[in-house]
Amino acid sequence: MDDYGKLIKKLRETKYNSTTLYHVMVNYCRDAANALETATTKFAEKDREIEALTAENAKLREAQRWITVNERLPEDEDTVEAYTESFGAFDAWYESEGHQWYTRGHEIKKVTHWRIPQPPQKDR
């Protein structure tokens, strides 16, 4: 049972009389304030976790997305995964001096997209 549930149960089970009602209510208000403070702290922690995970997710999505050759080209001679409509995806590299794509020593035409290959993920 969470802090709020305990507080509600305590309020429902308490038998009041006129001499102690004020003190009981003050204590319950303190308990409620403490429970609210605890919950607020937990929510803030979860918000920070969500923000960190959202940023990590965006980074991973960016690393995995296909980039059009019109947007930008890879660094010279970095091996990337390239794509053509004719051949699909394959490992290749780009040489800016000749403005040409290569795979296994062969010149490739009409590359439309590329992305940085991702190494296999280790099990967590």
PDB file of N, CA and C in Angstrom:
ATOM      1  N   MET A   1       0.857  -1.179   0.000  1.00  0.00           N
ATOM      2  CA  MET A   1       0.000   0.000   0.000  1.00  0.00           C
ATOM      3  C   MET A   1       0.901   1.240   0.000  1.00  0.00           C
ATOM      4  N   ASP A   2       0.611   2.208  -0.855  1.00  0.00           N
ATOM      5  CA  ASP A   2       1.436   3.407  -0.923  1.00  0.00           C
ATOM      6  C   ASP A   2       1.123   4.364   0.230  1.00  0.00           C
ATOM      7  N   ASP A   3       1.891   5.435   0.316  1.00  0.00           N
ATOM      8  CA  ASP A   3       1.724   6.392   1.412  1.00  0.00           C
ATOM      9  C   ASP A   3       0.325   6.985   1.461  1.00  0.00           C
ATOM     10  N   TYR A   4      -0.252   7.268   0.286  1.00  0.00           N
ATOM     11  CA  TYR A   4      -1.598   7.843   0.274  1.00  0.00           C
ATOM     12  C   TYR A   4      -2.622   6.832   0.780  1.00  0.00           C
ATOM     13  N   GLY A   5      -2.460   5.589   0.369  1.00  0.00           N
ATOM     14  CA  GLY A   5      -3.380   4.550   0.829  1.00  0.00           C
ATOM     15  C   GLY A   5      -3.333   4.375   2.334  1.00  0.00           C
ATOM     16  N   LYS A   6      -2.120   4.403   2.896  1.00  0.00           N
ATOM     17  CA  LYS A   6      -1.976   4.283   4.347  1.00  0.00           C
ATOM     18  C   LYS A   6      -2.636   5.456   5.058  1.00  0.00           C
ATOM     19  N   LEU A   7      -2.432   6.645   4.514  1.00  0.00           N
ATOM     20  CA  LEU A   7      -3.008   7.845   5.113  1.00  0.00           C
ATOM     21  C   LEU A   7      -4.536   7.790   5.083  1.00  0.00           C
ATOM     22  N   ILE A   8      -5.096   7.400   3.955  1.00  0.00           N
ATOM     23  CA  ILE A   8      -6.556   7.310   3.835  1.00  0.00           C
ATOM     24  C   ILE A   8      -7.113   6.264   4.798  1.00  0.00           C
ATOM     25  N   LYS A   9      -6.430   5.113   4.881  1.00  0.00           N
ATOM     26  CA  LYS A   9      -6.865   4.064   5.807  1.00  0.00           C
ATOM     27  C   LYS A   9      -6.827   4.576   7.247  1.00  0.00           C
ATOM     28  N   LYS A  10      -5.753   5.286   7.593  1.00  0.00           N
ATOM     29  CA  LYS A  10      -5.601   5.829   8.940  1.00  0.00           C
ATOM     30  C   LYS A  10      -6.727   6.827   9.248  1.00  0.00           C
ATOM     31  N   LEU A  11      -7.046   7.682   8.292  1.00  0.00           N
ATOM     32  CA  LEU A  11      -8.123   8.654   8.483  1.00  0.00           C
ATOM     33  C   LEU A  11      -9.470   7.955   8.707  1.00  0.00           C
ATOM     34  N   ARG A  12      -9.726   6.919   7.950  1.00  0.00           N
ATOM     35  CA  ARG A  12     -11.005   6.214   8.049  1.00  0.00           C
ATOM     36  C   ARG A  12     -11.138   5.430   9.351  1.00  0.00           C
ATOM     37  N   GLU A  13     -10.029   4.927   9.876  1.00  0.00           N
ATOM     38  CA  GLU A  13     -10.082   4.081  11.071  1.00  0.00           C
ATOM     39  C   GLU A  13     -10.028   4.863  12.379  1.00  0.00           C
ATOM     40  N   THR A  14      -9.660   6.112  12.339  1.00  0.00           N
ATOM     41  CA  THR A  14      -9.502   6.892  13.563  1.00  0.00           C
ATOM     42  C   THR A  14     -10.858   7.296  14.136  1.00  0.00           C
ATOM     43  N   LYS A  15     -11.000   7.126  15.444  1.00  0.00           N
ATOM     44  CA  LYS A  15     -12.199   7.576  16.171  1.00  0.00           C
ATOM     45  C   LYS A  15     -11.831   8.909  16.824  1.00  0.00           C
ATOM     46  N   TYR A  16     -12.604   9.905  16.529  1.00  0.00           N
ATOM     47  CA  TYR A  16     -12.298  11.249  17.016  1.00  0.00           C
ATOM     48  C   TYR A  16     -13.127  11.604  18.249  1.00  0.00           C
ATOM     49  N   ASN A  17     -12.536  12.432  19.119  1.00  0.00           N
ATOM     50  CA  ASN A  17     -13.314  13.112  20.149  1.00  0.00           C
ATOM     51  C   ASN A  17     -12.895  14.573  20.087  1.00  0.00           C
ATOM     52  N   SER A  18     -13.661  15.412  20.689  1.00  0.00           N
ATOM     53  CA  SER A  18     -13.458  16.851  20.536  1.00  0.00           C
ATOM     54  C   SER A  18     -12.125  17.342  21.081  1.00  0.00           C
ATOM     55  N   THR A  19     -11.559  16.669  22.064  1.00  0.00           N
ATOM     56  CA  THR A  19     -10.309  17.164  22.657  1.00  0.00           C
ATOM     57  C   THR A  19      -9.087  16.838  21.804  1.00  0.00           C
ATOM     58  N   THR A  20      -9.135  15.793  21.046  1.00  0.00           N
ATOM     59  CA  THR A  20      -7.944  15.404  20.273  1.00  0.00           C
ATOM     60  C   THR A  20      -8.072  15.678  18.774  1.00  0.00           C
ATOM     61  N   LEU A  21      -9.244  16.088  18.335  1.00  0.00           N
ATOM     62  CA  LEU A  21      -9.474  16.276  16.906  1.00  0.00           C
ATOM     63  C   LEU A  21      -8.461  17.218  16.270  1.00  0.00           C
ATOM     64  N   TYR A  22      -8.202  18.354  16.908  1.00  0.00           N
ATOM     65  CA  TYR A  22      -7.256  19.321  16.348  1.00  0.00           C
ATOM     66  C   TYR A  22      -5.878  18.689  16.160  1.00  0.00           C
ATOM     67  N   HIS A  23      -5.351  18.014  17.180  1.00  0.00           N
ATOM     68  CA  HIS A  23      -4.018  17.419  17.118  1.00  0.00           C
ATOM     69  C   HIS A  23      -3.941  16.278  16.087  1.00  0.00           C
ATOM     70  N   VAL A  24      -4.999  15.514  16.017  1.00  0.00           N
ATOM     71  CA  VAL A  24      -5.036  14.428  15.034  1.00  0.00           C
ATOM     72  C   VAL A  24      -5.000  14.999  13.617  1.00  0.00           C
ATOM     73  N   MET A  25      -5.783  16.048  13.387  1.00  0.00           N
ATOM     74  CA  MET A  25      -5.831  16.644  12.052  1.00  0.00           C
ATOM     75  C   MET A  25      -4.492  17.274  11.681  1.00  0.00           C
ATOM     76  N   VAL A  26      -3.832  17.908  12.636  1.00  0.00           N
ATOM     77  CA  VAL A  26      -2.507  18.484  12.376  1.00  0.00           C
ATOM     78  C   VAL A  26      -1.540  17.375  11.977  1.00  0.00           C
ATOM     79  N   ASN A  27      -1.560  16.268  12.696  1.00  0.00           N
ATOM     80  CA  ASN A  27      -0.681  15.139  12.368  1.00  0.00           C
ATOM     81  C   ASN A  27      -0.993  14.566  10.986  1.00  0.00           C
ATOM     82  N   TYR A  28      -2.265  14.437  10.667  1.00  0.00           N
ATOM     83  CA  TYR A  28      -2.647  13.930   9.355  1.00  0.00           C
ATOM     84  C   TYR A  28      -2.195  14.883   8.246  1.00  0.00           C
ATOM     85  N   CYS A  29      -2.317  16.167   8.493  1.00  0.00           N
ATOM     86  CA  CYS A  29      -1.851  17.151   7.511  1.00  0.00           C
ATOM     87  C   CYS A  29      -0.342  17.033   7.301  1.00  0.00           C
ATOM     88  N   ARG A  30       0.397  16.843   8.378  1.00  0.00           N
ATOM     89  CA  ARG A  30       1.847  16.643   8.261  1.00  0.00           C
ATOM     90  C   ARG A  30       2.150  15.374   7.470  1.00  0.00           C
ATOM     91  N   ASP A  31       1.423  14.301   7.798  1.00  0.00           N
ATOM     92  CA  ASP A  31       1.613  13.041   7.072  1.00  0.00           C
ATOM     93  C   ASP A  31       1.310  13.216   5.580  1.00  0.00           C
ATOM     94  N   ALA A  32       0.219  13.938   5.310  1.00  0.00           N
ATOM     95  CA  ALA A  32      -0.153  14.175   3.912  1.00  0.00           C
ATOM     96  C   ALA A  32       0.915  14.996   3.200  1.00  0.00           C
ATOM     97  N   ALA A  33       1.429  16.018   3.885  1.00  0.00           N
ATOM     98  CA  ALA A  33       2.481  16.847   3.291  1.00  0.00           C
ATOM     99  C   ALA A  33       3.737  16.017   3.026  1.00  0.00           C
ATOM    100  N   ASN A  34       4.104  15.151   3.967  1.00  0.00           N
ATOM    101  CA  ASN A  34       5.268  14.275   3.772  1.00  0.00           C
ATOM    102  C   ASN A  34       5.054  13.314   2.606  1.00  0.00           C
ATOM    103  N   ALA A  35       3.847  12.745   2.523  1.00  0.00           N
ATOM    104  CA  ALA A  35       3.537  11.825   1.429  1.00  0.00           C
ATOM    105  C   ALA A  35       3.591  12.547   0.090  1.00  0.00           C
ATOM    106  N   LEU A  36       3.071  13.755   0.063  1.00  0.00           N
ATOM    107  CA  LEU A  36       3.091  14.557  -1.164  1.00  0.00           C
ATOM    108  C   LEU A  36       4.526  14.907  -1.559  1.00  0.00           C
ATOM    109  N   GLU A  37       5.340  15.262  -0.590  1.00  0.00           N
ATOM    110  CA  GLU A  37       6.739  15.586  -0.868  1.00  0.00           C
ATOM    111  C   GLU A  37       7.479  14.361  -1.425  1.00  0.00           C
ATOM    112  N   THR A  38       7.235  13.196  -0.821  1.00  0.00           N
ATOM    113  CA  THR A  38       7.855  11.953  -1.298  1.00  0.00           C
ATOM    114  C   THR A  38       7.418  11.660  -2.735  1.00  0.00           C
ATOM    115  N   ALA A  39       6.130  11.780  -3.002  1.00  0.00           N
ATOM    116  CA  ALA A  39       5.610  11.522  -4.343  1.00  0.00           C
ATOM    117  C   ALA A  39       6.187  12.513  -5.350  1.00  0.00           C
ATOM    118  N   THR A  40       6.277  13.776  -4.974  1.00  0.00           N
ATOM    119  CA  THR A  40       6.826  14.801  -5.862  1.00  0.00           C
ATOM    120  C   THR A  40       8.282  14.497  -6.202  1.00  0.00           C
ATOM    121  N   THR A  41       9.043  14.068  -5.211  1.00  0.00           N
ATOM    122  CA  THR A  41      10.442  13.704  -5.436  1.00  0.00           C
ATOM    123  C   THR A  41      10.538  12.521  -6.390  1.00  0.00           C
ATOM    124  N   LYS A  42       9.694  11.510  -6.165  1.00  0.00           N
ATOM    125  CA  LYS A  42       9.703  10.329  -7.043  1.00  0.00           C
ATOM    126  C   LYS A  42       9.308  10.705  -8.469  1.00  0.00           C
ATOM    127  N   PHE A  43       8.305  11.570  -8.616  1.00  0.00           N
ATOM    128  CA  PHE A  43       7.892  12.012  -9.952  1.00  0.00           C
ATOM    129  C   PHE A  43       9.023  12.769 -10.645  1.00  0.00           C
ATOM    130  N   ALA A  44       9.732  13.611  -9.912  1.00  0.00           N
ATOM    131  CA  ALA A  44      10.846  14.363 -10.493  1.00  0.00           C
ATOM    132  C   ALA A  44      11.956  13.409 -10.953  1.00  0.00           C
ATOM    133  N   GLU A  45      12.239  12.383 -10.149  1.00  0.00           N
ATOM    134  CA  GLU A  45      13.246  11.384 -10.531  1.00  0.00           C
ATOM    135  C   GLU A  45      12.823  10.666 -11.805  1.00  0.00           C
ATOM    136  N   LYS A  46      11.558  10.282 -11.874  1.00  0.00           N
ATOM    137  CA  LYS A  46      11.049   9.577 -13.057  1.00  0.00           C
ATOM    138  C   LYS A  46      11.078  10.493 -14.278  1.00  0.00           C
ATOM    139  N   ASP A  47      10.766  11.775 -14.093  1.00  0.00           N
ATOM    140  CA  ASP A  47      10.840  12.732 -15.198  1.00  0.00           C
ATOM    141  C   ASP A  47      12.266  12.816 -15.746  1.00  0.00           C
ATOM    142  N   ARG A  48      13.263  12.839 -14.848  1.00  0.00           N
ATOM    143  CA  ARG A  48      14.662  12.882 -15.294  1.00  0.00           C
ATOM    144  C   ARG A  48      15.038  11.601 -16.043  1.00  0.00           C
ATOM    145  N   GLU A  49      14.560  10.462 -15.547  1.00  0.00           N
ATOM    146  CA  GLU A  49      14.820   9.190 -16.229  1.00  0.00           C
ATOM    147  C   GLU A  49      14.196   9.189 -17.625  1.00  0.00           C
ATOM    148  N   ILE A  50      12.969   9.679 -17.718  1.00  0.00           N
ATOM    149  CA  ILE A  50      12.277   9.735 -19.011  1.00  0.00           C
ATOM    150  C   ILE A  50      13.025  10.646 -19.977  1.00  0.00           C
ATOM    151  N   GLU A  51      13.467  11.797 -19.499  1.00  0.00           N
ATOM    152  CA  GLU A  51      14.222  12.722 -20.353  1.00  0.00           C
ATOM    153  C   GLU A  51      15.506  12.072 -20.857  1.00  0.00           C
ATOM    154  N   ALA A  52      16.231  11.375 -19.973  1.00  0.00           N
ATOM    155  CA  ALA A  52      17.481  10.715 -20.368  1.00  0.00           C
ATOM    156  C   ALA A  52      17.213   9.615 -21.390  1.00  0.00           C
ATOM    157  N   LEU A  53      16.171   8.814 -21.158  1.00  0.00           N
ATOM    158  CA  LEU A  53      15.840   7.738 -22.090  1.00  0.00           C
ATOM    159  C   LEU A  53      15.358   8.286 -23.435  1.00  0.00           C
ATOM    160  N   THR A  54      14.606   9.378 -23.398  1.00  0.00           N
ATOM    161  CA  THR A  54      14.142  10.006 -24.636  1.00  0.00           C
ATOM    162  C   THR A  54      15.330  10.510 -25.454  1.00  0.00           C
ATOM    163  N   ALA A  55      16.303  11.129 -24.795  1.00  0.00           N
ATOM    164  CA  ALA A  55      17.505  11.605 -25.489  1.00  0.00           C
ATOM    165  C   ALA A  55      18.299  10.433 -26.066  1.00  0.00           C
ATOM    166  N   GLU A  56      18.430   9.363 -25.285  1.00  0.00           N
ATOM    167  CA  GLU A  56      19.157   8.182 -25.765  1.00  0.00           C
ATOM    168  C   GLU A  56      18.435   7.559 -26.963  1.00  0.00           C
ATOM    169  N   ASN A  57      17.119   7.495 -26.894  1.00  0.00           N
ATOM    170  CA  ASN A  57      16.317   6.952 -27.990  1.00  0.00           C
ATOM    171  C   ASN A  57      16.507   7.785 -29.258  1.00  0.00           C
ATOM    172  N   ALA A  58      16.482   9.098 -29.117  1.00  0.00           N
ATOM    173  CA  ALA A  58      16.672   9.977 -30.279  1.00  0.00           C
ATOM    174  C   ALA A  58      18.054   9.765 -30.900  1.00  0.00           C
ATOM    175  N   LYS A  59      19.067   9.604 -30.051  1.00  0.00           N
ATOM    176  CA  LYS A  59      20.422   9.359 -30.526  1.00  0.00           C
ATOM    177  C   LYS A  59      20.508   8.041 -31.306  1.00  0.00           C
ATOM    178  N   LEU A  60      19.885   7.006 -30.752  1.00  0.00           N
ATOM    179  CA  LEU A  60      19.894   5.703 -31.421  1.00  0.00           C
ATOM    180  C   LEU A  60      19.140   5.752 -32.752  1.00  0.00           C
ATOM    181  N   ARG A  61      18.015   6.430 -32.764  1.00  0.00           N
ATOM    182  CA  ARG A  61      17.255   6.559 -34.011  1.00  0.00           C
ATOM    183  C   ARG A  61      18.061   7.300 -35.071  1.00  0.00           C
ATOM    184  N   GLU A  62      18.749   8.360 -34.670  1.00  0.00           N
ATOM    185  CA  GLU A  62      19.566   9.128 -35.608  1.00  0.00           C
ATOM    186  C   GLU A  62      20.694   8.263 -36.159  1.00  0.00           C
ATOM    187  N   ALA A  63      21.316   7.465 -35.304  1.00  0.00           N
ATOM    188  CA  ALA A  63      22.426   6.615 -35.736  1.00  0.00           C
ATOM    189  C   ALA A  63      21.960   5.534 -36.714  1.00  0.00           C
ATOM    190  N   GLN A  64      20.713   5.120 -36.611  1.00  0.00           N
ATOM    191  CA  GLN A  64      20.210   4.031 -37.450  1.00  0.00           C
ATOM    192  C   GLN A  64      19.482   4.503 -38.707  1.00  0.00           C
ATOM    193  N   ARG A  65      19.232   5.772 -38.827  1.00  0.00           N
ATOM    194  CA  ARG A  65      18.406   6.219 -39.953  1.00  0.00           C
ATOM    195  C   ARG A  65      19.201   6.262 -41.250  1.00  0.00           C
ATOM    196  N   TRP A  66      18.489   6.083 -42.336  1.00  0.00           N
ATOM    197  CA  TRP A  66      19.086   6.201 -43.659  1.00  0.00           C
ATOM    198  C   TRP A  66      19.197   7.691 -44.002  1.00  0.00           C
ATOM    199  N   ILE A  67      20.351   8.090 -44.491  1.00  0.00           N
ATOM    200  CA  ILE A  67      20.621   9.491 -44.843  1.00  0.00           C
ATOM    201  C   ILE A  67      20.664   9.584 -46.357  1.00  0.00           C
ATOM    202  N   THR A  68      19.944  10.534 -46.927  1.00  0.00           N
ATOM    203  CA  THR A  68      19.989  10.681 -48.379  1.00  0.00           C
ATOM    204  C   THR A  68      21.328  11.297 -48.778  1.00  0.00           C
ATOM    205  N   VAL A  69      21.794  10.934 -49.965  1.00  0.00           N
ATOM    206  CA  VAL A  69      23.069  11.491 -50.439  1.00  0.00           C
ATOM    207  C   VAL A  69      22.933  12.982 -50.732  1.00  0.00           C
ATOM    208  N   ASN A  70      21.698  13.467 -50.887  1.00  0.00           N
ATOM    209  CA  ASN A  70      21.478  14.903 -51.074  1.00  0.00           C
ATOM    210  C   ASN A  70      21.641  15.672 -49.761  1.00  0.00           C
ATOM    211  N   GLU A  71      21.371  14.989 -48.641  1.00  0.00           N
ATOM    212  CA  GLU A  71      21.505  15.631 -47.331  1.00  0.00           C
ATOM    213  C   GLU A  71      22.978  15.799 -46.968  1.00  0.00           C
ATOM    214  N   ARG A  72      23.725  14.708 -47.054  1.00  0.00           N
ATOM    215  CA  ARG A  72      25.173  14.749 -46.814  1.00  0.00           C
ATOM    216  C   ARG A  72      25.776  13.416 -47.205  1.00  0.00           C
ATOM    217  N   LEU A  73      27.091  13.409 -47.334  1.00  0.00           N
ATOM    218  CA  LEU A  73      27.824  12.197 -47.699  1.00  0.00           C
ATOM    219  C   LEU A  73      28.692  11.756 -46.528  1.00  0.00           C
ATOM    220  N   PRO A  74      29.062  10.479 -46.488  1.00  0.00           N
ATOM    221  CA  PRO A  74      29.902  10.009 -45.386  1.00  0.00           C
ATOM    222  C   PRO A  74      31.327  10.553 -45.506  1.00  0.00           C
ATOM    223  N   GLU A  75      32.081  10.399 -44.429  1.00  0.00           N
ATOM    224  CA  GLU A  75      33.493  10.777 -44.453  1.00  0.00           C
ATOM    225  C   GLU A  75      34.210   9.924 -45.503  1.00  0.00           C
ATOM    226  N   ASP A  76      35.257  10.481 -46.100  1.00  0.00           N
ATOM    227  CA  ASP A  76      36.023   9.765 -47.113  1.00  0.00           C
ATOM    228  C   ASP A  76      36.464   8.386 -46.631  1.00  0.00           C
ATOM    229  N   GLU A  77      36.143   7.399 -47.423  1.00  0.00           N
ATOM    230  CA  GLU A  77      36.585   6.020 -47.252  1.00  0.00           C
ATOM    231  C   GLU A  77      36.116   5.344 -45.964  1.00  0.00           C
ATOM    232  N   ASP A  78      35.154   5.928 -45.264  1.00  0.00           N
ATOM    233  CA  ASP A  78      34.526   5.225 -44.141  1.00  0.00           C
ATOM    234  C   ASP A  78      33.594   4.167 -44.722  1.00  0.00           C
ATOM    235  N   THR A  79      33.667   2.969 -44.202  1.00  0.00           N
ATOM    236  CA  THR A  79      32.749   1.927 -44.659  1.00  0.00           C
ATOM    237  C   THR A  79      31.377   2.197 -44.056  1.00  0.00           C
ATOM    238  N   VAL A  80      30.388   2.247 -44.944  1.00  0.00           N
ATOM    239  CA  VAL A  80      29.010   2.500 -44.532  1.00  0.00           C
ATOM    240  C   VAL A  80      28.109   1.475 -45.209  1.00  0.00           C
ATOM    241  N   GLU A  81      26.869   1.473 -44.817  1.00  0.00           N
ATOM    242  CA  GLU A  81      25.880   0.668 -45.521  1.00  0.00           C
ATOM    243  C   GLU A  81      25.226   1.591 -46.541  1.00  0.00           C
ATOM    244  N   ALA A  82      25.362   1.240 -47.813  1.00  0.00           N
ATOM    245  CA  ALA A  82      24.814   2.063 -48.888  1.00  0.00           C
ATOM    246  C   ALA A  82      23.580   1.370 -49.469  1.00  0.00           C
ATOM    247  N   TYR A  83      22.765   2.145 -50.183  1.00  0.00           N
ATOM    248  CA  TYR A  83      21.540   1.596 -50.759  1.00  0.00           C
ATOM    249  C   TYR A  83      21.355   2.125 -52.179  1.00  0.00           C
ATOM    250  N   THR A  84      21.015   1.196 -53.089  1.00  0.00           N
ATOM    251  CA  THR A  84      20.567   1.562 -54.431  1.00  0.00           C
ATOM    252  C   THR A  84      19.259   0.826 -54.680  1.00  0.00           C
ATOM    253  N   GLU A  85      18.437   1.387 -55.538  1.00  0.00           N
ATOM    254  CA  GLU A  85      17.172   0.719 -55.864  1.00  0.00           C
ATOM    255  C   GLU A  85      17.426  -0.603 -56.565  1.00  0.00           C
ATOM    256  N   SER A  86      18.499  -0.696 -57.322  1.00  0.00           N
ATOM    257  CA  SER A  86      18.793  -1.915 -58.080  1.00  0.00           C
ATOM    258  C   SER A  86      19.316  -3.053 -57.215  1.00  0.00           C
ATOM    259  N   PHE A  87      20.196  -2.736 -56.248  1.00  0.00           N
ATOM    260  CA  PHE A  87      20.880  -3.778 -55.483  1.00  0.00           C
ATOM    261  C   PHE A  87      20.483  -3.847 -54.013  1.00  0.00           C
ATOM    262  N   GLY A  88      19.708  -2.912 -53.524  1.00  0.00           N
ATOM    263  CA  GLY A  88      19.360  -2.896 -52.108  1.00  0.00           C
ATOM    264  C   GLY A  88      20.515  -2.374 -51.271  1.00  0.00           C
ATOM    265  N   ALA A  89      20.701  -2.945 -50.085  1.00  0.00           N
ATOM    266  CA  ALA A  89      21.720  -2.461 -49.146  1.00  0.00           C
ATOM    267  C   ALA A  89      22.977  -3.333 -49.221  1.00  0.00           C
ATOM    268  N   PHE A  90      24.132  -2.681 -49.071  1.00  0.00           N
ATOM    269  CA  PHE A  90      25.413  -3.377 -49.106  1.00  0.00           C
ATOM    270  C   PHE A  90      26.474  -2.477 -48.493  1.00  0.00           C
ATOM    271  N   ASP A  91      27.592  -3.079 -48.083  1.00  0.00           N
ATOM    272  CA  ASP A  91      28.714  -2.299 -47.544  1.00  0.00           C
ATOM    273  C   ASP A  91      29.424  -1.581 -48.679  1.00  0.00           C
ATOM    274  N   ALA A  92      29.782  -0.323 -48.443  1.00  0.00           N
ATOM    275  CA  ALA A  92      30.449   0.476 -49.473  1.00  0.00           C
ATOM    276  C   ALA A  92      31.211   1.613 -48.818  1.00  0.00           C
ATOM    277  N   TRP A  93      31.963   2.346 -49.628  1.00  0.00           N
ATOM    278  CA  TRP A  93      32.613   3.560 -49.162  1.00  0.00           C
ATOM    279  C   TRP A  93      32.562   4.599 -50.262  1.00  0.00           C
ATOM    280  N   TYR A  94      32.690   5.838 -49.874  1.00  0.00           N
ATOM    281  CA  TYR A  94      32.607   6.968 -50.801  1.00  0.00           C
ATOM    282  C   TYR A  94      33.959   7.658 -50.860  1.00  0.00           C
ATOM    283  N   GLU A  95      34.388   7.985 -52.074  1.00  0.00           N
ATOM    284  CA  GLU A  95      35.615   8.759 -52.265  1.00  0.00           C
ATOM    285  C   GLU A  95      35.225  10.116 -52.832  1.00  0.00           C
ATOM    286  N   SER A  96      35.454  11.147 -52.048  1.00  0.00           N
ATOM    287  CA  SER A  96      35.020  12.489 -52.458  1.00  0.00           C
ATOM    288  C   SER A  96      35.832  13.038 -53.619  1.00  0.00           C
ATOM    289  N   GLU A  97      37.088  12.617 -53.744  1.00  0.00           N
ATOM    290  CA  GLU A  97      37.931  13.142 -54.829  1.00  0.00           C
ATOM    291  C   GLU A  97      37.322  12.838 -56.196  1.00  0.00           C
ATOM    292  N   GLY A  98      36.854  11.619 -56.371  1.00  0.00           N
ATOM    293  CA  GLY A  98      36.240  11.245 -57.648  1.00  0.00           C
ATOM    294  C   GLY A  98      34.734  11.264 -57.613  1.00  0.00           C
ATOM    295  N   HIS A  99      34.178  11.646 -56.479  1.00  0.00           N
ATOM    296  CA  HIS A  99      32.720  11.648 -56.292  1.00  0.00           C
ATOM    297  C   HIS A  99      32.126  10.299 -56.676  1.00  0.00           C
ATOM    298  N   GLN A 100      32.725   9.220 -56.116  1.00  0.00           N
ATOM    299  CA  GLN A 100      32.327   7.893 -56.516  1.00  0.00           C
ATOM    300  C   GLN A 100      32.175   6.957 -55.318  1.00  0.00           C
ATOM    301  N   TRP A 101      31.230   6.031 -55.444  1.00  0.00           N
ATOM    302  CA  TRP A 101      30.991   4.987 -54.447  1.00  0.00           C
ATOM    303  C   TRP A 101      31.648   3.699 -54.912  1.00  0.00           C
ATOM    304  N   TYR A 102      32.160   2.923 -53.937  1.00  0.00           N
ATOM    305  CA  TYR A 102      32.791   1.635 -54.251  1.00  0.00           C
ATOM    306  C   TYR A 102      32.324   0.563 -53.270  1.00  0.00           C
ATOM    307  N   THR A 103      32.288  -0.668 -53.777  1.00  0.00           N
ATOM    308  CA  THR A 103      32.080  -1.830 -52.925  1.00  0.00           C
ATOM    309  C   THR A 103      32.956  -2.951 -53.449  1.00  0.00           C
ATOM    310  N   ARG A 104      33.751  -3.532 -52.581  1.00  0.00           N
ATOM    311  CA  ARG A 104      34.664  -4.627 -52.948  1.00  0.00           C
ATOM    312  C   ARG A 104      35.453  -4.311 -54.218  1.00  0.00           C
ATOM    313  N   GLY A 105      35.896  -3.046 -54.314  1.00  0.00           N
ATOM    314  CA  GLY A 105      36.726  -2.649 -55.445  1.00  0.00           C
ATOM    315  C   GLY A 105      35.970  -2.310 -56.714  1.00  0.00           C
ATOM    316  N   HIS A 106      34.645  -2.414 -56.689  1.00  0.00           N
ATOM    317  CA  HIS A 106      33.846  -2.106 -57.877  1.00  0.00           C
ATOM    318  C   HIS A 106      33.143  -0.764 -57.697  1.00  0.00           C
ATOM    319  N   GLU A 107      33.101  -0.017 -58.774  1.00  0.00           N
ATOM    320  CA  GLU A 107      32.414   1.270 -58.765  1.00  0.00           C
ATOM    321  C   GLU A 107      30.902   1.035 -58.753  1.00  0.00           C
ATOM    322  N   ILE A 108      30.195   1.810 -57.959  1.00  0.00           N
ATOM    323  CA  ILE A 108      28.736   1.677 -57.834  1.00  0.00           C
ATOM    324  C   ILE A 108      28.080   2.983 -58.282  1.00  0.00           C
ATOM    325  N   LYS A 109      27.013   2.855 -59.011  1.00  0.00           N
ATOM    326  CA  LYS A 109      26.257   4.019 -59.494  1.00  0.00           C
ATOM    327  C   LYS A 109      24.926   4.126 -58.754  1.00  0.00           C
ATOM    328  N   LYS A 110      24.398   5.299 -58.707  1.00  0.00           N
ATOM    329  CA  LYS A 110      23.045   5.589 -58.226  1.00  0.00           C
ATOM    330  C   LYS A 110      22.786   5.213 -56.768  1.00  0.00           C
ATOM    331  N   VAL A 111      23.764   5.463 -55.892  1.00  0.00           N
ATOM    332  CA  VAL A 111      23.513   5.303 -54.459  1.00  0.00           C
ATOM    333  C   VAL A 111      22.573   6.429 -54.047  1.00  0.00           C
ATOM    334  N   THR A 112      21.490   6.080 -53.373  1.00  0.00           N
ATOM    335  CA  THR A 112      20.507   7.093 -52.974  1.00  0.00           C
ATOM    336  C   THR A 112      20.562   7.406 -51.481  1.00  0.00           C
ATOM    337  N   HIS A 113      20.968   6.396 -50.672  1.00  0.00           N
ATOM    338  CA  HIS A 113      20.982   6.557 -49.217  1.00  0.00           C
ATOM    339  C   HIS A 113      22.177   5.821 -48.638  1.00  0.00           C
ATOM    340  N   TRP A 114      22.510   6.174 -47.420  1.00  0.00           N
ATOM    341  CA  TRP A 114      23.575   5.467 -46.689  1.00  0.00           C
ATOM    342  C   TRP A 114      23.332   5.630 -45.199  1.00  0.00           C
ATOM    343  N   ARG A 115      23.971   4.762 -44.423  1.00  0.00           N
ATOM    344  CA  ARG A 115      23.923   4.892 -42.970  1.00  0.00           C
ATOM    345  C   ARG A 115      25.159   4.227 -42.375  1.00  0.00           C
ATOM    346  N   ILE A 116      25.442   4.602 -41.135  1.00  0.00           N
ATOM    347  CA  ILE A 116      26.582   4.035 -40.428  1.00  0.00           C
ATOM    348  C   ILE A 116      26.164   2.650 -39.939  1.00  0.00           C
ATOM    349  N   PRO A 117      26.949   1.614 -40.264  1.00  0.00           N
ATOM    350  CA  PRO A 117      26.574   0.274 -39.795  1.00  0.00           C
ATOM    351  C   PRO A 117      26.674   0.183 -38.282  1.00  0.00           C
ATOM    352  N   GLN A 118      25.752  -0.551 -37.693  1.00  0.00           N
ATOM    353  CA  GLN A 118      25.716  -0.699 -36.242  1.00  0.00           C
ATOM    354  C   GLN A 118      26.304  -2.052 -35.845  1.00  0.00           C
ATOM    355  N   PRO A 119      27.247  -2.050 -34.891  1.00  0.00           N
ATOM    356  CA  PRO A 119      27.762  -3.341 -34.409  1.00  0.00           C
ATOM    357  C   PRO A 119      26.678  -4.071 -33.630  1.00  0.00           C
ATOM    358  N   PRO A 120      26.822  -5.386 -33.497  1.00  0.00           N
ATOM    359  CA  PRO A 120      25.811  -6.132 -32.711  1.00  0.00           C
ATOM    360  C   PRO A 120      25.760  -5.614 -31.280  1.00  0.00           C
ATOM    361  N   GLN A 121      24.561  -5.604 -30.710  1.00  0.00           N
ATOM    362  CA  GLN A 121      24.356  -5.159 -29.332  1.00  0.00           C
ATOM    363  C   GLN A 121      24.647  -6.292 -28.373  1.00  0.00           C
ATOM    364  N   LYS A 122      25.358  -5.983 -27.289  1.00  0.00           N
ATOM    365  CA  LYS A 122      25.587  -6.980 -26.245  1.00  0.00           C
ATOM    366  C   LYS A 122      24.325  -7.091 -25.407  1.00  0.00           C
ATOM    367  N   ASP A 123      24.055  -8.313 -24.955  1.00  0.00           N
ATOM    368  CA  ASP A 123      22.922  -8.499 -24.050  1.00  0.00           C
ATOM    369  C   ASP A 123      23.198  -7.778 -22.747  1.00  0.00           C
ATOM    370  N   ARG A 124      22.169  -7.107 -22.252  1.00  0.00           N
ATOM    371  CA  ARG A 124      22.346  -6.361 -20.998  1.00  0.00           C
ATOM    372  C   ARG A 124      22.201  -7.250 -19.818  1.00  0.00           C
TER     373      ARG A 124
END
